[in-house]
Amino acid sequence: MDVLNREIIRHILGGLGLVPPPNFGKVGITTKVFKAEKTLALEFENSKGEDQKTEFALWSGQISMGAPGTAQVLRALATDICDNEKNYHEFIAVYQLEAAPIHAVKHIFSDEDNGLFLTKLDGKAWRPVGTYEKLIACAGFERMIQLGLTWAPCKDYEELYPSLVEVVEM
């Protein structure tokens, strides 16, 4: 089950363009046009034991799905907590389809990390997502790819930002 979970998360992250180099920044919402004005500031302890503040880029995009007049918008906000010297990439994305619950995926691209797939049903507490819901989400992202739907820049990501911060801190 862990391998299936990891591959579902990787597929969703791939649909957003959150893939390891050399393709990072060349596909999905990780290209320059989707880079958000806001950044994510985190404090880490460096190798010398000193606190070090680092800012990480954010990317946001949206896709309109459905017939005109009845279309729904999927909004996504993502970051890469990275250390290029160590070839370390921890991808985190939160996304929401209109009035549906917020979902989050978090994964370090290695075979040791199975990732996290969470949802916020009540808008307050995160809970793990079951296999059925994971598969439906994966199928939805696959369908967007098959239909050739393209991402558009999204400036309305402030509602997703607090959720992204919560998942980063997990």
N, C-alpha and C. Protein backbone atom coordinates (compact mmCIF):
# COMPACT_ATOMS: atom_id res chain seq x y z
N MET A 1 0.82 -1.20 0.00
CA MET A 1 0.00 0.00 0.00
C MET A 1 0.86 1.26 0.00
N ASP A 2 2.03 1.17 0.68
CA ASP A 2 2.90 2.34 0.73
C ASP A 2 3.38 2.76 -0.65
N VAL A 3 3.70 1.78 -1.49
CA VAL A 3 4.16 2.08 -2.84
C VAL A 3 3.04 2.73 -3.65
N LEU A 4 1.82 2.21 -3.53
CA LEU A 4 0.67 2.79 -4.23
C LEU A 4 0.45 4.23 -3.78
N ASN A 5 0.48 4.46 -2.47
CA ASN A 5 0.32 5.81 -1.93
C ASN A 5 1.37 6.75 -2.50
N ARG A 6 2.61 6.31 -2.50
CA ARG A 6 3.71 7.14 -3.01
C ARG A 6 3.51 7.46 -4.49
N GLU A 7 3.11 6.48 -5.28
CA GLU A 7 2.93 6.70 -6.72
C GLU A 7 1.73 7.61 -7.02
N ILE A 8 0.66 7.50 -6.24
CA ILE A 8 -0.48 8.40 -6.42
C ILE A 8 -0.06 9.83 -6.13
N ILE A 9 0.65 10.02 -5.03
CA ILE A 9 1.12 11.36 -4.66
C ILE A 9 2.06 11.90 -5.74
N ARG A 10 2.97 11.08 -6.22
CA ARG A 10 3.90 11.52 -7.27
C ARG A 10 3.15 11.90 -8.54
N HIS A 11 2.09 11.16 -8.85
CA HIS A 11 1.31 11.47 -10.06
C HIS A 11 0.61 12.83 -9.92
N ILE A 12 0.04 13.08 -8.77
CA ILE A 12 -0.63 14.37 -8.55
C ILE A 12 0.39 15.50 -8.56
N LEU A 13 1.52 15.31 -7.88
CA LEU A 13 2.56 16.33 -7.90
C LEU A 13 3.07 16.56 -9.32
N GLY A 14 3.21 15.48 -10.09
CA GLY A 14 3.64 15.60 -11.48
C GLY A 14 2.65 16.39 -12.32
N GLY A 15 1.35 16.20 -12.04
CA GLY A 15 0.32 16.96 -12.75
C GLY A 15 0.41 18.45 -12.48
N LEU A 16 0.99 18.78 -11.33
CA LEU A 16 1.20 20.19 -10.99
C LEU A 16 2.55 20.71 -11.49
N GLY A 17 3.42 19.81 -11.92
CA GLY A 17 4.76 20.21 -12.35
C GLY A 17 5.79 20.11 -11.24
N LEU A 18 5.41 19.55 -10.10
CA LEU A 18 6.33 19.40 -8.98
C LEU A 18 7.09 18.09 -9.13
N VAL A 19 8.12 18.15 -9.95
CA VAL A 19 8.96 17.00 -10.27
C VAL A 19 10.42 17.38 -10.03
N PRO A 20 11.26 16.41 -9.71
CA PRO A 20 12.67 16.74 -9.47
C PRO A 20 13.35 17.29 -10.73
N PRO A 21 14.48 18.01 -10.52
CA PRO A 21 15.26 18.46 -11.67
C PRO A 21 15.66 17.26 -12.51
N PRO A 22 15.83 17.42 -13.79
CA PRO A 22 16.00 18.65 -14.54
C PRO A 22 14.70 19.26 -15.06
N ASN A 23 13.55 18.61 -14.85
CA ASN A 23 12.30 19.14 -15.40
C ASN A 23 11.61 20.15 -14.50
N PHE A 24 12.04 20.28 -13.25
CA PHE A 24 11.42 21.25 -12.36
C PHE A 24 11.58 22.65 -12.94
N GLY A 25 10.50 23.41 -12.92
CA GLY A 25 10.53 24.76 -13.46
C GLY A 25 10.25 24.84 -14.95
N LYS A 26 10.05 23.68 -15.58
CA LYS A 26 9.81 23.66 -17.03
C LYS A 26 8.40 23.20 -17.37
N VAL A 27 7.67 22.67 -16.39
CA VAL A 27 6.33 22.13 -16.65
C VAL A 27 5.37 22.55 -15.54
N GLY A 28 4.07 22.48 -15.86
CA GLY A 28 3.04 22.75 -14.86
C GLY A 28 3.11 24.15 -14.26
N ILE A 29 2.75 24.24 -12.99
CA ILE A 29 2.69 25.55 -12.34
C ILE A 29 4.04 26.00 -11.79
N THR A 30 5.11 25.25 -12.06
CA THR A 30 6.43 25.65 -11.56
C THR A 30 7.19 26.55 -12.53
N THR A 31 6.57 26.90 -13.64
CA THR A 31 7.24 27.81 -14.57
C THR A 31 7.12 29.25 -14.04
N LYS A 32 7.91 30.14 -14.57
CA LYS A 32 8.01 31.50 -14.04
C LYS A 32 6.69 32.26 -13.96
N VAL A 33 5.81 32.03 -14.91
CA VAL A 33 4.55 32.78 -14.96
C VAL A 33 3.65 32.49 -13.76
N PHE A 34 3.86 31.36 -13.09
CA PHE A 34 3.03 30.96 -11.95
C PHE A 34 3.66 31.31 -10.60
N LYS A 35 4.83 31.88 -10.61
CA LYS A 35 5.51 32.20 -9.36
C LYS A 35 4.73 33.29 -8.62
N ALA A 36 4.41 33.01 -7.37
CA ALA A 36 3.62 33.96 -6.56
C ALA A 36 4.52 35.07 -6.03
N GLU A 37 3.90 36.21 -5.74
CA GLU A 37 4.65 37.32 -5.15
C GLU A 37 5.08 37.00 -3.73
N LYS A 38 4.24 36.29 -3.03
CA LYS A 38 4.51 35.92 -1.64
C LYS A 38 5.51 34.75 -1.60
N THR A 39 6.30 34.68 -0.53
CA THR A 39 7.21 33.56 -0.33
C THR A 39 6.87 32.89 1.00
N LEU A 40 7.50 31.77 1.24
CA LEU A 40 7.32 31.03 2.48
C LEU A 40 8.64 31.11 3.26
N ALA A 41 8.62 31.77 4.42
CA ALA A 41 9.83 31.92 5.24
C ALA A 41 9.85 30.85 6.32
N LEU A 42 10.93 30.08 6.35
CA LEU A 42 11.10 29.03 7.35
C LEU A 42 12.43 29.21 8.06
N GLU A 43 12.47 28.79 9.31
CA GLU A 43 13.70 28.88 10.09
C GLU A 43 14.22 27.47 10.35
N PHE A 44 15.48 27.25 10.00
CA PHE A 44 16.14 25.97 10.19
C PHE A 44 17.39 26.16 11.02
N GLU A 45 17.83 25.07 11.62
CA GLU A 45 19.12 25.08 12.30
C GLU A 45 20.15 24.61 11.28
N ASN A 46 21.17 25.44 11.02
CA ASN A 46 22.18 25.07 10.03
C ASN A 46 23.20 24.11 10.64
N SER A 47 24.18 23.71 9.84
CA SER A 47 25.19 22.74 10.29
C SER A 47 26.03 23.25 11.45
N LYS A 48 26.05 24.57 11.66
CA LYS A 48 26.81 25.16 12.77
C LYS A 48 25.96 25.29 14.03
N GLY A 49 24.70 24.82 13.96
CA GLY A 49 23.82 24.90 15.11
C GLY A 49 23.16 26.26 15.27
N GLU A 50 23.28 27.11 14.25
CA GLU A 50 22.69 28.45 14.29
C GLU A 50 21.35 28.45 13.56
N ASP A 51 20.43 29.27 14.05
CA ASP A 51 19.15 29.42 13.36
C ASP A 51 19.37 30.20 12.07
N GLN A 52 18.81 29.70 11.01
CA GLN A 52 18.95 30.32 9.70
C GLN A 52 17.57 30.45 9.07
N LYS A 53 17.22 31.64 8.65
CA LYS A 53 15.92 31.88 8.00
C LYS A 53 16.11 31.77 6.49
N THR A 54 15.24 30.99 5.87
CA THR A 54 15.30 30.78 4.43
C THR A 54 13.93 31.03 3.84
N GLU A 55 13.90 31.67 2.69
CA GLU A 55 12.63 31.91 1.99
C GLU A 55 12.54 30.99 0.78
N PHE A 56 11.38 30.38 0.65
CA PHE A 56 11.13 29.46 -0.45
C PHE A 56 10.03 30.03 -1.35
N ALA A 57 10.19 29.80 -2.63
CA ALA A 57 9.22 30.31 -3.62
C ALA A 57 7.90 29.55 -3.50
N LEU A 58 6.85 30.23 -3.90
CA LEU A 58 5.52 29.64 -4.01
C LEU A 58 5.06 29.75 -5.46
N TRP A 59 4.26 28.78 -5.90
CA TRP A 59 3.67 28.82 -7.22
C TRP A 59 2.18 28.59 -7.07
N SER A 60 1.39 29.30 -7.85
CA SER A 60 -0.06 29.13 -7.78
C SER A 60 -0.65 29.10 -9.18
N GLY A 61 -1.64 28.24 -9.33
CA GLY A 61 -2.31 28.13 -10.62
C GLY A 61 -3.74 27.69 -10.45
N GLN A 62 -4.49 27.83 -11.53
CA GLN A 62 -5.89 27.40 -11.51
C GLN A 62 -6.26 26.83 -12.86
N ILE A 63 -7.23 25.92 -12.82
CA ILE A 63 -7.77 25.32 -14.03
C ILE A 63 -9.28 25.40 -13.94
N SER A 64 -9.90 25.82 -15.03
CA SER A 64 -11.35 25.84 -15.12
C SER A 64 -11.79 24.55 -15.81
N MET A 65 -12.71 23.83 -15.15
CA MET A 65 -13.16 22.54 -15.69
C MET A 65 -14.66 22.54 -15.85
N GLY A 66 -15.12 22.05 -16.97
CA GLY A 66 -16.56 21.94 -17.21
C GLY A 66 -17.02 22.89 -18.31
N ALA A 67 -18.28 22.80 -18.60
CA ALA A 67 -18.88 23.62 -19.66
C ALA A 67 -19.02 25.07 -19.19
N PRO A 68 -18.93 26.02 -20.12
CA PRO A 68 -19.11 27.42 -19.74
C PRO A 68 -20.44 27.61 -19.01
N GLY A 69 -20.39 28.39 -17.95
CA GLY A 69 -21.58 28.63 -17.14
C GLY A 69 -21.72 27.66 -15.98
N THR A 70 -21.15 26.47 -16.13
CA THR A 70 -21.20 25.48 -15.05
C THR A 70 -19.81 25.04 -14.63
N ALA A 71 -18.79 25.67 -15.18
CA ALA A 71 -17.41 25.26 -14.90
C ALA A 71 -17.06 25.51 -13.44
N GLN A 72 -16.22 24.66 -12.92
CA GLN A 72 -15.66 24.82 -11.58
C GLN A 72 -14.18 25.09 -11.71
N VAL A 73 -13.62 25.79 -10.73
CA VAL A 73 -12.21 26.15 -10.77
C VAL A 73 -11.46 25.37 -9.71
N LEU A 74 -10.37 24.74 -10.13
CA LEU A 74 -9.44 24.08 -9.23
C LEU A 74 -8.27 25.03 -9.02
N ARG A 75 -8.03 25.42 -7.77
CA ARG A 75 -6.90 26.29 -7.44
C ARG A 75 -5.85 25.48 -6.69
N ALA A 76 -4.58 25.76 -6.96
CA ALA A 76 -3.49 25.05 -6.31
C ALA A 76 -2.40 26.03 -5.89
N LEU A 77 -1.77 25.73 -4.76
CA LEU A 77 -0.63 26.49 -4.25
C LEU A 77 0.42 25.48 -3.84
N ALA A 78 1.66 25.72 -4.25
CA ALA A 78 2.71 24.72 -4.02
C ALA A 78 4.05 25.38 -3.69
N THR A 79 4.92 24.58 -3.07
CA THR A 79 6.28 25.01 -2.78
C THR A 79 7.23 23.83 -2.87
N ASP A 80 8.49 24.13 -2.96
CA ASP A 80 9.56 23.13 -2.96
C ASP A 80 10.52 23.53 -1.84
N ILE A 81 10.49 22.78 -0.74
CA ILE A 81 11.44 23.01 0.35
C ILE A 81 12.70 22.26 -0.08
N CYS A 82 13.65 22.99 -0.62
CA CYS A 82 14.77 22.33 -1.28
C CYS A 82 16.11 22.73 -0.71
N ASP A 83 17.05 21.83 -0.92
CA ASP A 83 18.47 22.08 -0.66
C ASP A 83 19.19 21.52 -1.88
N ASN A 84 19.48 22.40 -2.83
CA ASN A 84 20.07 21.94 -4.09
C ASN A 84 21.44 21.31 -3.91
N GLU A 85 22.18 21.73 -2.88
CA GLU A 85 23.49 21.15 -2.64
C GLU A 85 23.38 19.67 -2.25
N LYS A 86 22.32 19.32 -1.55
CA LYS A 86 22.11 17.94 -1.11
C LYS A 86 21.14 17.20 -2.02
N ASN A 87 20.71 17.83 -3.10
CA ASN A 87 19.74 17.26 -4.03
C ASN A 87 18.48 16.79 -3.27
N TYR A 88 18.00 17.66 -2.38
CA TYR A 88 16.84 17.37 -1.53
C TYR A 88 15.67 18.24 -1.98
N HIS A 89 14.55 17.60 -2.28
CA HIS A 89 13.35 18.32 -2.69
C HIS A 89 12.15 17.75 -1.96
N GLU A 90 11.53 18.57 -1.14
CA GLU A 90 10.29 18.20 -0.46
C GLU A 90 9.18 19.05 -1.07
N PHE A 91 8.35 18.41 -1.88
CA PHE A 91 7.28 19.11 -2.57
C PHE A 91 6.00 19.07 -1.73
N ILE A 92 5.36 20.22 -1.61
CA ILE A 92 4.12 20.33 -0.86
C ILE A 92 3.14 21.12 -1.71
N ALA A 93 1.93 20.60 -1.83
CA ALA A 93 0.89 21.30 -2.59
C ALA A 93 -0.44 21.17 -1.86
N VAL A 94 -1.20 22.24 -1.89
CA VAL A 94 -2.58 22.21 -1.43
C VAL A 94 -3.44 22.63 -2.61
N TYR A 95 -4.59 22.00 -2.72
CA TYR A 95 -5.48 22.35 -3.83
C TYR A 95 -6.93 22.22 -3.38
N GLN A 96 -7.79 22.96 -4.08
CA GLN A 96 -9.21 22.96 -3.74
C GLN A 96 -10.03 23.19 -4.99
N LEU A 97 -11.05 22.38 -5.16
CA LEU A 97 -12.02 22.55 -6.23
C LEU A 97 -13.23 23.26 -5.64
N GLU A 98 -13.39 24.54 -6.02
CA GLU A 98 -14.51 25.38 -5.57
C GLU A 98 -14.85 25.14 -4.11
N ALA A 99 -16.06 24.66 -3.81
CA ALA A 99 -16.52 24.52 -2.42
C ALA A 99 -16.14 23.18 -1.79
N ALA A 100 -15.35 22.39 -2.47
CA ALA A 100 -14.92 21.10 -1.93
C ALA A 100 -13.87 21.31 -0.84
N PRO A 101 -13.60 20.29 -0.04
CA PRO A 101 -12.57 20.41 0.99
C PRO A 101 -11.18 20.64 0.37
N ILE A 102 -10.30 21.25 1.15
CA ILE A 102 -8.92 21.43 0.74
C ILE A 102 -8.19 20.10 0.88
N HIS A 103 -7.38 19.77 -0.10
CA HIS A 103 -6.54 18.58 -0.06
C HIS A 103 -5.07 19.00 -0.06
N ALA A 104 -4.23 18.15 0.47
CA ALA A 104 -2.80 18.43 0.51
C ALA A 104 -2.01 17.16 0.22
N VAL A 105 -0.91 17.35 -0.51
CA VAL A 105 0.04 16.26 -0.73
C VAL A 105 1.43 16.79 -0.39
N LYS A 106 2.22 15.91 0.21
CA LYS A 106 3.58 16.27 0.64
C LYS A 106 4.47 15.06 0.41
N HIS A 107 5.61 15.29 -0.25
CA HIS A 107 6.47 14.15 -0.58
C HIS A 107 7.91 14.59 -0.81
N ILE A 108 8.82 13.85 -0.22
CA ILE A 108 10.25 13.98 -0.51
C ILE A 108 10.52 12.95 -1.59
N PHE A 109 11.09 13.36 -2.70
CA PHE A 109 11.30 12.43 -3.81
C PHE A 109 12.44 11.46 -3.49
N SER A 110 12.08 10.40 -2.78
CA SER A 110 12.98 9.28 -2.52
C SER A 110 12.10 8.06 -2.30
N ASP A 111 12.67 6.89 -2.43
CA ASP A 111 11.89 5.68 -2.23
C ASP A 111 11.65 5.39 -0.75
N GLU A 112 12.30 6.12 0.13
CA GLU A 112 12.10 5.93 1.56
C GLU A 112 10.88 6.70 2.08
N ASP A 113 10.46 7.74 1.38
CA ASP A 113 9.34 8.56 1.84
C ASP A 113 8.06 8.15 1.13
N ASN A 114 7.04 7.81 1.91
CA ASN A 114 5.75 7.43 1.33
C ASN A 114 4.82 8.61 1.16
N GLY A 115 5.20 9.76 1.70
CA GLY A 115 4.42 10.98 1.51
C GLY A 115 3.20 11.06 2.41
N LEU A 116 2.55 12.19 2.32
CA LEU A 116 1.30 12.45 3.04
C LEU A 116 0.24 12.88 2.04
N PHE A 117 -0.96 12.41 2.25
CA PHE A 117 -2.11 12.82 1.46
C PHE A 117 -3.21 13.10 2.47
N LEU A 118 -3.60 14.36 2.59
CA LEU A 118 -4.51 14.79 3.64
C LEU A 118 -5.68 15.59 3.08
N THR A 119 -6.72 15.70 3.86
CA THR A 119 -7.84 16.56 3.53
C THR A 119 -8.31 17.26 4.80
N LYS A 120 -8.94 18.41 4.59
CA LYS A 120 -9.47 19.22 5.68
C LYS A 120 -10.98 19.30 5.49
N LEU A 121 -11.69 18.31 5.99
CA LEU A 121 -13.13 18.23 5.74
C LEU A 121 -13.92 19.35 6.41
N ASP A 122 -13.60 19.65 7.64
CA ASP A 122 -14.36 20.65 8.38
C ASP A 122 -13.71 22.02 8.36
N GLY A 123 -12.64 22.14 7.60
CA GLY A 123 -11.92 23.41 7.54
C GLY A 123 -11.02 23.65 8.74
N LYS A 124 -10.95 22.69 9.66
CA LYS A 124 -10.16 22.88 10.88
C LYS A 124 -9.07 21.83 11.06
N ALA A 125 -9.43 20.56 10.95
CA ALA A 125 -8.49 19.49 11.26
C ALA A 125 -8.14 18.69 10.01
N TRP A 126 -6.87 18.36 9.87
CA TRP A 126 -6.42 17.52 8.76
C TRP A 126 -6.67 16.06 9.11
N ARG A 127 -7.02 15.27 8.12
CA ARG A 127 -7.16 13.84 8.31
C ARG A 127 -6.57 13.13 7.09
N PRO A 128 -6.08 11.91 7.30
CA PRO A 128 -5.56 11.14 6.15
C PRO A 128 -6.68 10.83 5.16
N VAL A 129 -6.31 10.72 3.92
CA VAL A 129 -7.25 10.41 2.84
C VAL A 129 -7.21 8.90 2.60
N GLY A 130 -8.38 8.29 2.46
CA GLY A 130 -8.46 6.86 2.18
C GLY A 130 -8.09 6.54 0.75
N THR A 131 -7.86 5.27 0.49
CA THR A 131 -7.40 4.82 -0.83
C THR A 131 -8.39 5.20 -1.93
N TYR A 132 -9.68 5.03 -1.69
CA TYR A 132 -10.67 5.36 -2.72
C TYR A 132 -10.58 6.83 -3.11
N GLU A 133 -10.51 7.71 -2.12
CA GLU A 133 -10.44 9.15 -2.40
C GLU A 133 -9.12 9.51 -3.10
N LYS A 134 -8.05 8.84 -2.73
CA LYS A 134 -6.75 9.06 -3.40
C LYS A 134 -6.85 8.70 -4.88
N LEU A 135 -7.48 7.56 -5.15
CA LEU A 135 -7.61 7.10 -6.53
C LEU A 135 -8.50 8.04 -7.35
N ILE A 136 -9.56 8.55 -6.75
CA ILE A 136 -10.43 9.51 -7.44
C ILE A 136 -9.65 10.78 -7.77
N ALA A 137 -8.85 11.28 -6.80
CA ALA A 137 -8.04 12.48 -7.04
C ALA A 137 -7.02 12.23 -8.15
N CYS A 138 -6.37 11.08 -8.08
CA CYS A 138 -5.38 10.72 -9.11
C CYS A 138 -6.05 10.65 -10.49
N ALA A 139 -7.22 10.03 -10.56
CA ALA A 139 -7.95 9.94 -11.82
C ALA A 139 -8.34 11.32 -12.33
N GLY A 140 -8.71 12.21 -11.41
CA GLY A 140 -9.07 13.58 -11.80
C GLY A 140 -7.88 14.31 -12.42
N PHE A 141 -6.71 14.19 -11.81
CA PHE A 141 -5.53 14.83 -12.37
C PHE A 141 -5.15 14.20 -13.71
N GLU A 142 -5.29 12.88 -13.82
CA GLU A 142 -5.01 12.20 -15.09
C GLU A 142 -5.97 12.67 -16.17
N ARG A 143 -7.22 12.86 -15.83
CA ARG A 143 -8.22 13.32 -16.80
C ARG A 143 -7.90 14.73 -17.29
N MET A 144 -7.46 15.60 -16.37
CA MET A 144 -7.07 16.96 -16.77
C MET A 144 -5.93 16.91 -17.79
N ILE A 145 -4.98 16.01 -17.56
CA ILE A 145 -3.84 15.86 -18.47
C ILE A 145 -4.32 15.34 -19.82
N GLN A 146 -5.16 14.31 -19.81
CA GLN A 146 -5.67 13.72 -21.05
C GLN A 146 -6.47 14.72 -21.89
N LEU A 147 -7.23 15.57 -21.20
CA LEU A 147 -8.04 16.56 -21.91
C LEU A 147 -7.22 17.76 -22.38
N GLY A 148 -5.98 17.83 -21.93
CA GLY A 148 -5.12 18.93 -22.34
C GLY A 148 -5.48 20.25 -21.68
N LEU A 149 -6.10 20.18 -20.50
CA LEU A 149 -6.43 21.41 -19.78
C LEU A 149 -5.15 22.09 -19.34
N THR A 150 -5.12 23.38 -19.45
CA THR A 150 -3.91 24.11 -19.11
C THR A 150 -4.13 24.99 -17.89
N TRP A 151 -3.08 25.12 -17.12
CA TRP A 151 -3.10 25.96 -15.93
C TRP A 151 -3.05 27.43 -16.33
N ALA A 152 -3.70 28.25 -15.53
CA ALA A 152 -3.63 29.71 -15.67
C ALA A 152 -3.08 30.24 -14.35
N PRO A 153 -2.36 31.37 -14.40
CA PRO A 153 -1.88 31.95 -13.14
C PRO A 153 -3.04 32.26 -12.21
N CYS A 154 -2.80 32.12 -10.92
CA CYS A 154 -3.84 32.36 -9.92
C CYS A 154 -3.31 33.36 -8.89
N LYS A 155 -3.97 34.49 -8.80
CA LYS A 155 -3.58 35.51 -7.81
C LYS A 155 -4.39 35.34 -6.53
N ASP A 156 -5.46 34.54 -6.58
CA ASP A 156 -6.37 34.35 -5.45
C ASP A 156 -5.99 33.08 -4.68
N TYR A 157 -4.81 33.10 -4.06
CA TYR A 157 -4.33 31.93 -3.33
C TYR A 157 -4.25 32.16 -1.82
N GLU A 158 -4.61 33.33 -1.35
CA GLU A 158 -4.49 33.65 0.08
C GLU A 158 -5.26 32.69 0.97
N GLU A 159 -6.40 32.20 0.49
CA GLU A 159 -7.18 31.25 1.29
C GLU A 159 -6.46 29.92 1.46
N LEU A 160 -5.63 29.55 0.50
CA LEU A 160 -4.90 28.28 0.56
C LEU A 160 -3.61 28.40 1.37
N TYR A 161 -3.08 29.61 1.51
CA TYR A 161 -1.77 29.81 2.15
C TYR A 161 -1.69 29.25 3.57
N PRO A 162 -2.64 29.55 4.47
CA PRO A 162 -2.54 29.00 5.83
C PRO A 162 -2.51 27.47 5.85
N SER A 163 -3.25 26.85 4.95
CA SER A 163 -3.25 25.38 4.87
C SER A 163 -1.90 24.86 4.42
N LEU A 164 -1.28 25.54 3.46
CA LEU A 164 0.05 25.14 3.01
C LEU A 164 1.04 25.22 4.16
N VAL A 165 1.00 26.30 4.92
CA VAL A 165 1.91 26.46 6.06
C VAL A 165 1.70 25.33 7.08
N GLU A 166 0.46 24.98 7.35
CA GLU A 166 0.17 23.90 8.29
C GLU A 166 0.81 22.59 7.82
N VAL A 167 0.69 22.27 6.55
CA VAL A 167 1.23 21.02 6.03
C VAL A 167 2.76 21.07 6.01
N VAL A 168 3.35 22.21 5.71
CA VAL A 168 4.81 22.33 5.73
C VAL A 168 5.33 22.01 7.12
N GLU A 169 4.61 22.44 8.14
CA GLU A 169 5.07 22.28 9.52
C GLU A 169 4.83 20.87 10.07
N MET A 170 4.19 20.00 9.31
CA MET A 170 3.94 18.62 9.78
C MET A 170 5.18 17.76 9.64
